[in-house]
Protein backbone atom coordinates (compact mmCIF):
# COMPACT_ATOMS: atom_id res chain seq x y z
CA MET A 1 36.79 46.90 -17.92
CA ALA A 2 38.57 44.43 -15.64
CA ALA A 3 36.10 45.13 -12.82
CA ALA A 4 32.77 45.47 -14.62
CA ILE A 5 33.29 42.89 -17.38
CA GLY A 6 36.17 40.61 -16.38
CA ILE A 7 34.82 40.24 -12.84
CA GLY A 8 31.26 41.59 -12.89
CA ARG A 9 30.19 39.43 -15.81
CA PHE A 10 32.60 36.49 -16.04
CA ILE A 11 33.21 35.57 -12.40
CA TYR A 12 29.90 33.70 -12.56
CA THR A 13 31.55 30.97 -14.65
CA PRO A 14 34.05 29.63 -12.04
CA ILE A 15 31.54 30.17 -9.21
CA LEU A 16 28.66 28.46 -11.04
CA PRO A 17 29.42 24.78 -10.26
CA GLY A 18 29.58 25.41 -6.52
CA MET A 19 26.34 27.38 -6.59
CA VAL A 20 24.58 24.67 -8.58
CA GLU A 21 25.59 22.01 -6.08
CA ASP A 22 24.85 24.01 -2.92
CA LEU A 23 21.55 25.52 -4.08
CA HIS A 24 20.45 22.40 -6.04
CA LEU A 25 19.97 24.33 -9.26
CA THR A 26 19.31 22.71 -12.62
CA LYS A 27 21.44 23.70 -15.61
CA GLY A 28 18.34 25.44 -16.97
CA GLN A 29 18.09 27.60 -13.84
CA ALA A 30 21.81 28.34 -14.04
CA GLY A 31 21.27 29.44 -17.63
CA LEU A 32 18.39 31.69 -16.57
CA ILE A 33 20.60 33.41 -13.99
CA ALA A 34 23.21 34.04 -16.68
CA ALA A 35 20.50 35.25 -19.06
CA ALA A 36 19.22 37.70 -16.41
CA ASN A 37 22.68 39.26 -16.33
CA PHE A 38 22.71 39.54 -20.10
CA LEU A 39 19.15 40.94 -20.14
CA GLY A 40 20.39 43.66 -17.81
CA TYR A 41 23.35 44.14 -20.13
CA LEU A 42 20.94 44.63 -23.03
CA ALA A 43 18.81 47.09 -21.04
CA GLY A 44 21.88 49.10 -20.09
CA ALA A 45 23.14 49.14 -23.67
CA LEU A 46 19.78 50.33 -24.99
CA ALA A 47 19.63 53.03 -22.35
CA THR A 48 23.06 54.36 -23.25
CA ALA A 49 22.34 54.16 -26.98
CA ALA A 50 19.17 56.22 -26.51
CA ALA A 51 20.78 58.75 -24.13
CA ARG A 52 20.83 62.36 -25.25
CA GLY A 53 22.96 65.20 -23.94
CA ARG A 54 26.56 65.14 -22.82
CA GLY A 55 26.13 64.61 -19.08
CA ASP A 56 28.95 63.96 -16.66
CA GLY A 57 30.55 60.86 -18.18
CA ARG A 58 33.09 60.43 -15.40
CA ARG A 59 30.46 60.52 -12.66
CA LEU A 60 28.19 58.11 -14.51
CA LEU A 61 31.11 55.75 -15.08
CA LEU A 62 32.03 55.75 -11.38
CA VAL A 63 28.39 55.16 -10.38
CA ALA A 64 28.20 52.23 -12.81
CA LEU A 65 31.42 50.74 -11.40
CA ALA A 66 30.13 51.14 -7.84
CA ALA A 67 26.89 49.39 -8.83
CA SER A 68 28.90 46.58 -10.41
CA ALA A 69 30.90 46.06 -7.22
CA ALA A 70 27.77 46.12 -5.04
CA THR A 71 25.74 43.72 -7.19
CA THR A 72 28.67 41.31 -7.32
CA ALA A 73 29.12 41.28 -3.54
CA VAL A 74 25.40 40.98 -2.73
CA MET A 75 25.22 37.67 -4.62
CA ALA A 76 26.99 36.19 -1.58
CA ILE A 77 23.91 36.65 0.60
CA SER A 78 21.35 35.53 -2.01
CA SER A 79 19.83 32.07 -2.26
CA SER A 80 16.39 32.37 -3.88
CA MET A 81 15.95 32.46 -7.65
CA PRO A 82 14.16 35.85 -7.63
CA ALA A 83 17.04 37.45 -5.70
CA LEU A 84 19.71 35.84 -7.87
CA LEU A 85 17.92 36.97 -11.03
CA LEU A 86 17.45 40.50 -9.72
CA TRP A 87 21.06 41.07 -8.71
CA ARG A 88 22.48 39.57 -11.89
CA PHE A 89 20.12 41.75 -13.93
CA ALA A 90 21.28 44.85 -12.06
CA GLY A 91 24.91 43.79 -12.50
CA GLY A 92 24.32 43.45 -16.23
CA VAL A 93 22.99 47.01 -16.44
CA ALA A 94 26.09 48.24 -14.61
CA SER A 95 28.40 46.26 -16.93
CA ALA A 96 26.83 47.69 -20.07
CA TYR A 97 26.98 51.26 -18.80
CA THR A 98 30.62 50.79 -17.89
CA LEU A 99 31.57 49.26 -21.24
CA VAL A 100 29.78 51.90 -23.30
CA LEU A 101 30.81 54.94 -21.23
CA ALA A 102 34.41 53.83 -20.74
CA SER A 103 34.87 52.74 -24.36
CA ALA A 104 33.36 55.93 -25.78
CA LEU A 105 35.48 58.06 -23.44
CA VAL A 106 38.73 56.19 -24.05
CA LEU A 107 38.32 55.75 -27.81
CA ASP A 108 37.33 59.40 -28.26
CA ARG A 109 40.38 60.60 -26.31
CA LEU A 110 42.72 58.27 -28.19
CA ASN A 111 41.32 59.35 -31.57
CA ALA A 112 41.66 63.01 -30.58
CA THR A 113 45.33 62.53 -29.74
CA GLY A 114 46.15 60.28 -32.71
CA GLN A 115 46.86 57.24 -30.54
CA ALA A 116 44.01 54.92 -31.50
CA GLY A 117 46.34 51.91 -31.36
CA TYR A 118 46.24 52.04 -27.56
CA SER A 119 42.59 50.94 -27.62
CA ALA A 120 43.91 47.39 -27.30
CA LEU A 121 45.16 48.20 -23.81
CA HIS A 122 41.68 49.32 -22.79
CA PHE A 123 40.00 46.13 -24.01
CA SER A 124 42.71 43.89 -22.55
CA GLY A 125 41.31 44.79 -19.13
CA VAL A 126 38.63 42.14 -19.58
CA GLY A 127 41.18 39.33 -19.77
CA THR A 128 43.04 40.80 -16.83
CA GLY A 129 39.86 40.78 -14.75
CA ILE A 130 39.11 37.17 -15.71
CA ALA A 131 42.65 36.06 -14.84
CA VAL A 132 42.68 37.90 -11.50
CA SER A 133 39.26 36.57 -10.50
CA ALA A 134 40.25 33.07 -11.62
CA ALA A 135 43.29 33.19 -9.35
CA MET A 136 41.17 34.53 -6.49
CA THR A 137 38.49 31.83 -6.79
CA TRP A 138 41.25 29.20 -7.06
CA VAL A 139 42.88 30.40 -3.81
CA LEU A 140 39.58 30.66 -1.95
CA GLY A 141 38.52 27.21 -3.14
CA ALA A 142 41.85 25.72 -2.08
CA ASP A 143 41.30 27.21 1.39
CA GLY A 144 37.94 25.46 1.63
CA LEU A 145 35.88 28.63 1.17
CA GLY A 146 32.75 28.31 -0.92
CA TRP A 147 30.95 30.24 -3.60
CA ARG A 148 29.65 32.94 -1.22
CA ALA A 149 33.20 33.96 -0.28
CA MET A 150 34.06 34.09 -3.97
CA TRP A 151 31.26 36.57 -4.69
CA LEU A 152 32.41 38.73 -1.78
CA GLY A 153 35.99 38.57 -3.04
CA GLY A 154 34.85 39.67 -6.49
CA GLY A 155 33.00 42.62 -4.98
CA LEU A 156 36.10 43.65 -3.04
CA LEU A 157 38.31 43.46 -6.14
CA SER A 158 35.78 45.59 -8.02
CA LEU A 159 35.76 48.16 -5.22
CA LEU A 160 39.55 48.43 -5.42
CA ALA A 161 39.26 48.93 -9.17
CA LEU A 162 36.69 51.70 -8.61
CA ILE A 163 39.18 53.56 -6.40
CA ALA A 164 41.87 53.20 -9.06
CA VAL A 165 39.59 54.45 -11.86
CA ALA A 166 38.51 57.46 -9.79
CA GLY A 167 42.17 58.44 -9.49
CA LEU A 168 43.12 57.70 -13.10
CA ILE A 169 40.31 59.64 -14.79
CA PRO A 170 40.51 63.31 -13.81
CA PRO A 171 37.32 65.37 -13.29
CA GLY A 172 35.93 66.88 -16.45
CA GLN A 173 36.56 63.81 -18.61
CA ASN A 174 33.30 63.05 -20.44
CA ALA A 175 32.33 60.68 -23.18
CA PRO A 176 31.15 62.43 -26.36
CA ALA A 177 27.43 62.99 -26.64
CA PRO A 178 25.50 60.86 -29.12
CA ALA A 179 24.49 62.82 -32.17
CA GLY A 180 20.86 61.71 -31.94
CA ALA A 181 19.56 64.28 -34.40
CA HIS A 182 22.18 63.48 -37.03
CA LYS A 183 21.17 60.56 -39.19
CA GLN A 184 23.62 58.07 -40.62
CA PRO A 185 24.44 58.41 -44.29
CA HIS A 186 22.17 56.16 -46.33
CA ALA A 187 25.11 54.14 -47.67
CA ALA A 188 26.10 53.00 -44.18
CA ARG A 189 22.69 51.67 -43.11
CA LEU A 190 22.84 48.19 -44.64
CA PRO A 191 26.42 47.52 -43.48
CA MET A 192 25.43 48.61 -39.97
CA VAL A 193 22.42 46.27 -39.98
CA LEU A 194 24.63 43.40 -41.15
CA LEU A 195 27.25 44.25 -38.54
CA ALA A 196 24.63 44.34 -35.77
CA LEU A 197 23.32 40.93 -36.87
CA ALA A 198 26.85 39.52 -37.04
CA TYR A 199 27.61 40.94 -33.59
CA GLY A 200 24.46 39.38 -32.14
CA LEU A 201 25.37 35.98 -33.59
CA PHE A 202 28.84 36.34 -32.10
CA GLY A 203 27.22 37.04 -28.72
CA PHE A 204 25.27 33.80 -28.98
CA GLY A 205 28.26 31.88 -30.33
CA TYR A 206 30.72 32.67 -27.57
CA VAL A 207 28.48 32.84 -24.51
CA ILE A 208 27.51 29.17 -24.17
CA THR A 209 31.11 28.06 -23.71
CA ALA A 210 32.01 31.19 -21.73
CA THR A 211 29.17 30.50 -19.27
CA PHE A 212 29.42 26.74 -18.90
CA LEU A 213 33.10 25.97 -19.59
CA VAL A 214 33.92 25.27 -15.93
CA ALA A 215 30.80 23.10 -15.63
CA ILE A 216 31.94 21.19 -18.73
CA VAL A 217 35.40 20.77 -17.22
CA ARG A 218 33.93 19.55 -13.93
CA GLY A 219 32.02 16.87 -15.87
CA SER A 220 35.26 15.51 -17.36
CA ALA A 221 36.91 12.82 -15.24
CA GLU A 222 40.25 13.54 -16.90
CA ALA A 223 40.20 17.35 -16.80
CA GLN A 224 38.31 18.23 -13.61
CA ALA A 225 41.50 18.39 -11.52
CA LEU A 226 42.66 21.25 -13.76
CA GLU A 227 39.41 23.20 -13.48
CA PRO A 228 41.01 26.45 -12.17
CA VAL A 229 43.90 26.23 -14.63
CA ILE A 230 41.63 25.95 -17.66
CA TRP A 231 39.59 29.02 -16.70
CA LEU A 232 42.76 30.95 -15.82
CA ALA A 233 44.15 30.06 -19.26
CA LEU A 234 41.10 31.68 -20.85
CA GLY A 235 41.76 34.94 -19.01
CA LEU A 236 45.47 34.96 -19.81
CA ALA A 237 44.78 34.26 -23.49
CA ALA A 238 42.35 37.19 -23.55
CA ILE A 239 44.89 39.77 -22.35
CA PRO A 240 47.00 40.01 -25.57
CA SER A 241 44.16 39.01 -27.88
CA VAL A 242 42.97 42.53 -28.67
CA THR A 243 46.45 43.64 -29.68
CA LEU A 244 46.82 40.60 -31.94
CA TRP A 245 43.42 40.89 -33.63
CA VAL A 246 43.51 44.67 -34.01
CA GLY A 247 46.95 44.21 -35.57
CA ALA A 248 45.42 41.66 -37.94
CA GLY A 249 42.74 44.23 -38.75
CA ARG A 250 45.41 46.70 -39.79
CA ARG A 251 47.00 44.17 -42.10
CA ILE A 252 43.99 42.52 -43.73
CA GLY A 253 41.08 44.83 -42.87
CA VAL A 254 38.71 44.99 -39.92
CA MET A 255 35.98 42.73 -41.29
CA PRO A 256 38.27 40.00 -42.69
CA ALA A 257 40.03 39.89 -39.31
CA TYR A 258 36.63 39.69 -37.60
CA ALA A 259 35.59 36.81 -39.88
CA LEU A 260 38.84 34.92 -39.24
CA ALA A 261 38.47 35.36 -35.47
CA CYS A 262 34.91 33.99 -35.67
CA LEU A 263 36.17 30.85 -37.40
CA VAL A 264 38.99 30.38 -34.86
CA GLU A 265 36.49 30.80 -32.03
CA ALA A 266 34.15 28.28 -33.68
CA VAL A 267 36.98 25.73 -33.54
CA GLY A 268 37.38 26.46 -29.83
CA VAL A 269 33.66 26.04 -29.13
CA PHE A 270 33.68 22.75 -31.03
CA ALA A 271 36.74 21.56 -29.09
CA SER A 272 34.96 22.18 -25.76
CA VAL A 273 32.49 19.36 -26.46
CA ALA A 274 34.21 17.27 -29.14
CA ALA A 275 36.56 15.39 -26.82
CA ASP A 276 36.36 14.74 -23.09
CA SER A 277 40.06 15.44 -22.60
CA ILE A 278 42.48 17.92 -21.08
CA ALA A 279 43.87 18.80 -24.51
CA GLY A 280 40.45 19.54 -25.99
CA LEU A 281 39.27 21.64 -23.07
CA LEU A 282 42.54 23.54 -22.80
CA ALA A 283 42.41 24.26 -26.53
CA ALA A 284 38.84 25.46 -26.15
CA SER A 285 39.84 27.75 -23.32
CA ILE A 286 42.78 29.28 -25.17
CA LEU A 287 40.94 29.69 -28.48
CA LEU A 288 37.88 31.23 -26.85
CA GLY A 289 39.97 33.49 -24.61
CA GLY A 290 42.16 34.43 -27.54
CA THR A 291 39.26 35.62 -29.70
CA PHE A 292 36.20 36.88 -27.85
CA MET A 293 37.65 40.26 -26.82
CA GLY A 294 39.36 40.62 -30.18
CA LEU A 295 35.97 40.13 -31.82
CA THR A 296 34.39 42.58 -29.40
CA SER A 297 36.92 45.28 -30.21
CA LEU A 298 36.93 44.66 -33.97
CA GLY A 299 33.14 44.89 -34.06
CA LEU A 300 33.17 48.20 -32.17
CA ILE A 301 35.99 49.56 -34.32
CA GLY A 302 34.12 48.53 -37.46
CA GLY A 303 30.97 50.23 -36.22
CA GLY A 304 32.93 53.35 -35.35
CA ASN A 305 34.42 53.45 -38.83
CA LEU A 306 30.96 53.19 -40.38
CA ALA A 307 29.58 56.03 -38.22
CA PRO A 308 32.50 58.00 -36.73
CA ASP A 309 30.30 60.93 -35.64
CA GLN A 310 28.17 58.84 -33.23
CA PRO A 311 30.56 56.85 -30.99
CA ARG A 312 28.40 56.34 -27.90
CA ARG A 313 25.25 55.66 -29.95
CA ILE A 314 26.97 53.10 -32.20
CA VAL A 315 28.75 51.36 -29.31
CA GLY A 316 25.42 51.18 -27.50
CA ALA A 317 23.54 49.81 -30.51
CA LEU A 318 26.11 47.11 -31.21
CA THR A 319 26.30 46.22 -27.52
CA ALA A 320 22.51 45.83 -27.54
CA ALA A 321 22.65 43.43 -30.50
CA PHE A 322 25.40 41.51 -28.75
CA GLY A 323 23.23 41.41 -25.63
CA VAL A 324 20.35 39.73 -27.44
CA GLY A 325 22.62 36.87 -28.48
CA GLN A 326 23.98 36.59 -24.94
CA ILE A 327 20.49 36.32 -23.45
CA ILE A 328 19.41 33.51 -25.75
CA GLY A 329 22.63 31.47 -25.50
CA PRO A 330 22.64 30.44 -21.81
CA VAL A 331 18.93 29.58 -21.85
CA VAL A 332 19.36 27.38 -24.93
CA ALA A 333 22.43 25.73 -23.40
CA GLY A 334 20.98 25.24 -19.92
CA TYR A 335 17.68 23.75 -20.97
CA GLY A 336 19.39 21.92 -23.84
CA TYR A 337 21.55 20.20 -21.23
CA ASP A 338 18.50 19.38 -19.08
CA PHE A 339 16.79 17.75 -22.07
CA THR A 340 19.77 15.95 -23.61
CA GLY A 341 22.25 15.57 -20.75
CA SER A 342 24.96 17.27 -22.78
CA PHE A 343 26.15 20.66 -24.00
CA PHE A 344 27.01 19.16 -27.42
CA TRP A 345 24.02 20.29 -29.50
CA PRO A 346 23.78 23.78 -28.00
CA SER A 347 27.50 24.17 -28.71
CA MET A 348 26.95 23.07 -32.31
CA LEU A 349 24.35 25.82 -32.68
CA ALA A 350 26.98 28.21 -31.34
CA VAL A 351 29.48 26.99 -33.94
CA ALA A 352 26.90 27.58 -36.69
CA ALA A 353 26.20 31.09 -35.38
CA LEU A 354 29.88 31.98 -35.47
CA ILE A 355 30.24 30.73 -39.03
CA VAL A 356 27.26 32.82 -40.18
CA SER A 357 28.73 35.83 -38.35
CA ALA A 358 31.95 35.36 -40.33
CA VAL A 359 29.99 35.23 -43.60
CA LEU A 360 28.15 38.45 -42.74
CA ALA A 361 31.44 40.17 -41.93
CA MET A 362 32.79 39.29 -45.35
CA ALA A 363 29.57 40.56 -46.94
CA ILE A 364 30.21 43.91 -45.24
CA HIS A 365 33.80 43.85 -46.48
CA ALA A 366 32.56 43.31 -50.06
CA ARG A 367 30.58 46.57 -49.84
CA PRO A 368 32.19 50.02 -49.33
CA ARG A 369 35.26 49.26 -47.28
CA VAL A 370 35.54 49.56 -43.51
CA SER A 371 38.87 51.21 -42.96
CA SER A 372 41.62 49.63 -40.93
CA PRO A 373 41.86 50.60 -37.24
């Protein structure tokens, strides 16, 4: 998770400003590159959701991680828009395969051994990857090395993670097969549709700030000197966030915790554009980092509770819905900036999406209950 998501997906954010300056990209083009990654993420999620048969989950996971490392590193030698779009698309496919395969494998094993609470450790890998890559890009930037060296560094970190995963997951460990022929109970269909819609809105709501936060910081005369610190803070806040939000889910229910996290994240998104100050941007970083992986895990746990016999299929379907929101968000933000000169109105749309996602979560909670994790 640290390699494929924390680095493979999110390292683009701290590298983005340098790429934009060196390659003379518009914010709209930067948004398209991000959207290509998320389109690949959607394609990978759909492919895993539709997959039938058990297969060798460990081998597929290692192949996906290797692809993530390679597509991260190859960005260092790319300059044209077609090449940048292609490699980010391929990296998105690899990220989705990794998330779905690893999550289904880990959650299935934890459920089988009665240790589901350790799922928080699995999801905390994303924040760890963000924090490690933030520190790496900070060091490379301080040494005068540019965005190409940062992509290469990210690929190397991902390769090291691949070696670690190969050693930590013994042969014969496979994710459970999707029960494609077994239909969901009728009572769960509407809640699943609502959850997928809520998850897609969450994808849109978080991704604008997650993609352009460093660019927003760089545009602030007061905060730009703390650019690496603010992105690092997001990663550090993400590490314990799953434990905190899953714990909240145990106390108040999965969907109420999801709704509360959406509202907290909406405050963070608003703070990113409400005030051109260190305090506002640091608050945005901490609130976004402290919620987005918690929301990710709560959504997947909620889906698993609604359809416990189809873990890979449900994770894939929700990840696909999430991917749609992610694709739309950067394009809206990038071209919104080109037209208005600001990320304010795109961010307000993101705030609205998160509020609606919270409302949908509570609508699910009002129906037959989603059990606590």
